[in-house]
Amino acid sequence: MEMGFLSKESDVYSFGVVLFEILCGRLCYEYHNHELTKILVPEWRRCYDENRLDEIILPGLKEQMHPGSLKSFSAIAYQCVMRDHEERPTMGEVVEELEFSLEQQVILVSFCF
């Protein structure tokens, strides 16, 4: 990941990494022969910026999620890993967005049953 001081903003960044790991179904880094070879966060940001999330989202996840839920979940993950810490949301804002995302998903599940 990116080096810096520990702060509320760095906690938000770390949480965003976890959200992306959930979306992608993989860790945010790759190792080869016990050496770190690739950090995936820049690639994830680029895919979000270029509207290419389909390339990185865990296969099958998109079909299980309400489109609005997936959109809000991925948007908050992206906002959390912004390079400029001042552009990142607060954890309170993250919670609000995740609750909104969950509400949209619950609507889909309720509708299906």
Protein backbone atom coordinates (compact mmCIF):
# COMPACT_ATOMS: atom_id res chain seq x y z
CA MET A 1 0.00 0.00 0.00
CA GLU A 2 1.14 3.55 0.36
CA MET A 3 3.41 4.67 3.17
CA GLY A 4 2.53 7.42 5.59
CA PHE A 5 1.44 8.22 9.10
CA LEU A 6 -1.31 6.44 10.98
CA SER A 7 -4.43 8.58 11.21
CA LYS A 8 -8.19 8.43 10.85
CA GLU A 9 -7.68 8.97 7.14
CA SER A 10 -5.26 6.05 6.89
CA ASP A 11 -7.82 3.88 8.72
CA VAL A 12 -10.40 4.89 6.09
CA TYR A 13 -7.91 3.97 3.35
CA SER A 14 -7.31 0.56 4.93
CA PHE A 15 -11.03 -0.03 5.22
CA GLY A 16 -11.44 0.85 1.55
CA VAL A 17 -8.80 -1.74 0.70
CA VAL A 18 -10.84 -4.34 2.60
CA LEU A 19 -13.98 -3.30 0.70
CA PHE A 20 -12.16 -3.74 -2.61
CA GLU A 21 -10.83 -7.10 -1.46
CA ILE A 22 -14.43 -8.16 -0.85
CA LEU A 23 -15.52 -6.93 -4.29
CA CYS A 24 -12.62 -8.60 -6.05
CA GLY A 25 -12.38 -11.77 -3.98
CA ARG A 26 -8.64 -11.39 -3.60
CA LEU A 27 -6.02 -9.70 -1.48
CA CYS A 28 -4.72 -6.28 -2.45
CA TYR A 29 -1.24 -7.56 -3.21
CA GLU A 30 0.46 -10.40 -5.05
CA TYR A 31 3.50 -12.37 -3.97
CA HIS A 32 5.83 -14.47 -6.09
CA ASN A 33 8.58 -16.55 -4.48
CA HIS A 34 7.86 -14.91 -1.11
CA GLU A 35 8.40 -11.42 -2.51
CA LEU A 36 5.85 -8.69 -2.99
CA THR A 37 5.43 -8.29 -6.74
CA LYS A 38 2.32 -6.18 -7.19
CA ILE A 39 0.02 -3.90 -5.22
CA LEU A 40 -3.46 -3.91 -6.75
CA VAL A 41 -4.97 -0.71 -5.30
CA PRO A 42 -3.76 1.53 -8.17
CA GLU A 43 -5.20 -0.96 -10.68
CA TRP A 44 -8.52 -1.01 -8.79
CA ARG A 45 -8.68 2.79 -8.80
CA ARG A 46 -7.91 2.87 -12.53
CA CYS A 47 -10.62 0.29 -13.29
CA TYR A 48 -13.13 2.36 -11.30
CA ASP A 49 -12.08 5.58 -13.06
CA GLU A 50 -12.37 3.92 -16.47
CA ASN A 51 -15.70 2.24 -15.66
CA ARG A 52 -14.11 -1.21 -16.00
CA LEU A 53 -15.10 -2.73 -12.66
CA ASP A 54 -16.43 -5.82 -14.44
CA GLU A 55 -12.80 -6.78 -15.05
CA ILE A 56 -11.95 -6.99 -11.36
CA ILE A 57 -15.19 -7.90 -9.56
CA LEU A 58 -15.39 -11.45 -8.25
CA PRO A 59 -17.10 -13.61 -10.88
CA GLY A 60 -20.72 -14.24 -9.94
CA LEU A 61 -20.90 -11.38 -7.42
CA LYS A 62 -22.48 -8.95 -9.86
CA GLU A 63 -25.40 -11.31 -10.48
CA GLN A 64 -26.02 -11.62 -6.73
CA MET A 65 -26.10 -7.90 -6.03
CA HIS A 66 -28.68 -5.23 -6.73
CA PRO A 67 -27.09 -2.88 -9.31
CA GLY A 68 -27.58 0.13 -7.04
CA SER A 69 -26.05 -1.72 -4.12
CA LEU A 70 -23.02 -2.70 -6.17
CA LYS A 71 -22.65 0.86 -7.45
CA SER A 72 -22.79 2.46 -4.00
CA PHE A 73 -20.55 -0.22 -2.43
CA SER A 74 -17.88 0.19 -5.11
CA ALA A 75 -18.15 4.00 -4.98
CA ILE A 76 -17.49 4.11 -1.24
CA ALA A 77 -14.59 1.66 -1.62
CA TYR A 78 -13.11 3.93 -4.29
CA GLN A 79 -13.58 7.07 -2.21
CA CYS A 80 -11.84 5.42 0.73
CA VAL A 81 -8.68 4.71 -1.29
CA MET A 82 -8.31 8.17 -2.79
CA ARG A 83 -4.63 9.17 -2.91
CA ASP A 84 -5.36 12.55 -1.31
CA HIS A 85 -6.40 11.85 2.27
CA GLU A 86 -8.49 15.02 2.33
CA GLU A 87 -10.74 13.59 -0.40
CA ARG A 88 -11.54 10.46 1.61
CA PRO A 89 -14.87 10.25 3.45
CA THR A 90 -15.15 10.06 7.21
CA MET A 91 -15.99 6.70 8.73
CA GLY A 92 -19.42 8.13 9.54
CA GLU A 93 -19.99 8.80 5.85
CA VAL A 94 -18.70 5.33 5.01
CA VAL A 95 -21.20 3.78 7.42
CA GLU A 96 -24.06 5.80 5.92
CA GLU A 97 -23.16 4.70 2.38
CA LEU A 98 -22.77 1.06 3.40
CA GLU A 99 -26.16 1.16 5.14
CA PHE A 100 -27.66 2.60 1.94
CA SER A 101 -25.99 -0.14 -0.09
CA LEU A 102 -27.33 -2.78 2.30
CA GLU A 103 -30.86 -1.35 2.11
CA GLN A 104 -30.77 -1.66 -1.67
CA GLN A 105 -29.57 -5.24 -1.40
CA VAL A 106 -32.30 -6.11 1.12
CA ILE A 107 -34.89 -4.79 -1.33
CA LEU A 108 -33.55 -7.18 -3.98
CA VAL A 109 -33.56 -10.16 -1.61
CA SER A 110 -37.08 -9.33 -0.36
CA PHE A 111 -38.32 -8.97 -3.93
CA CYS A 112 -36.90 -12.36 -4.94
CA PHE A 113 -38.63 -14.25 -2.12
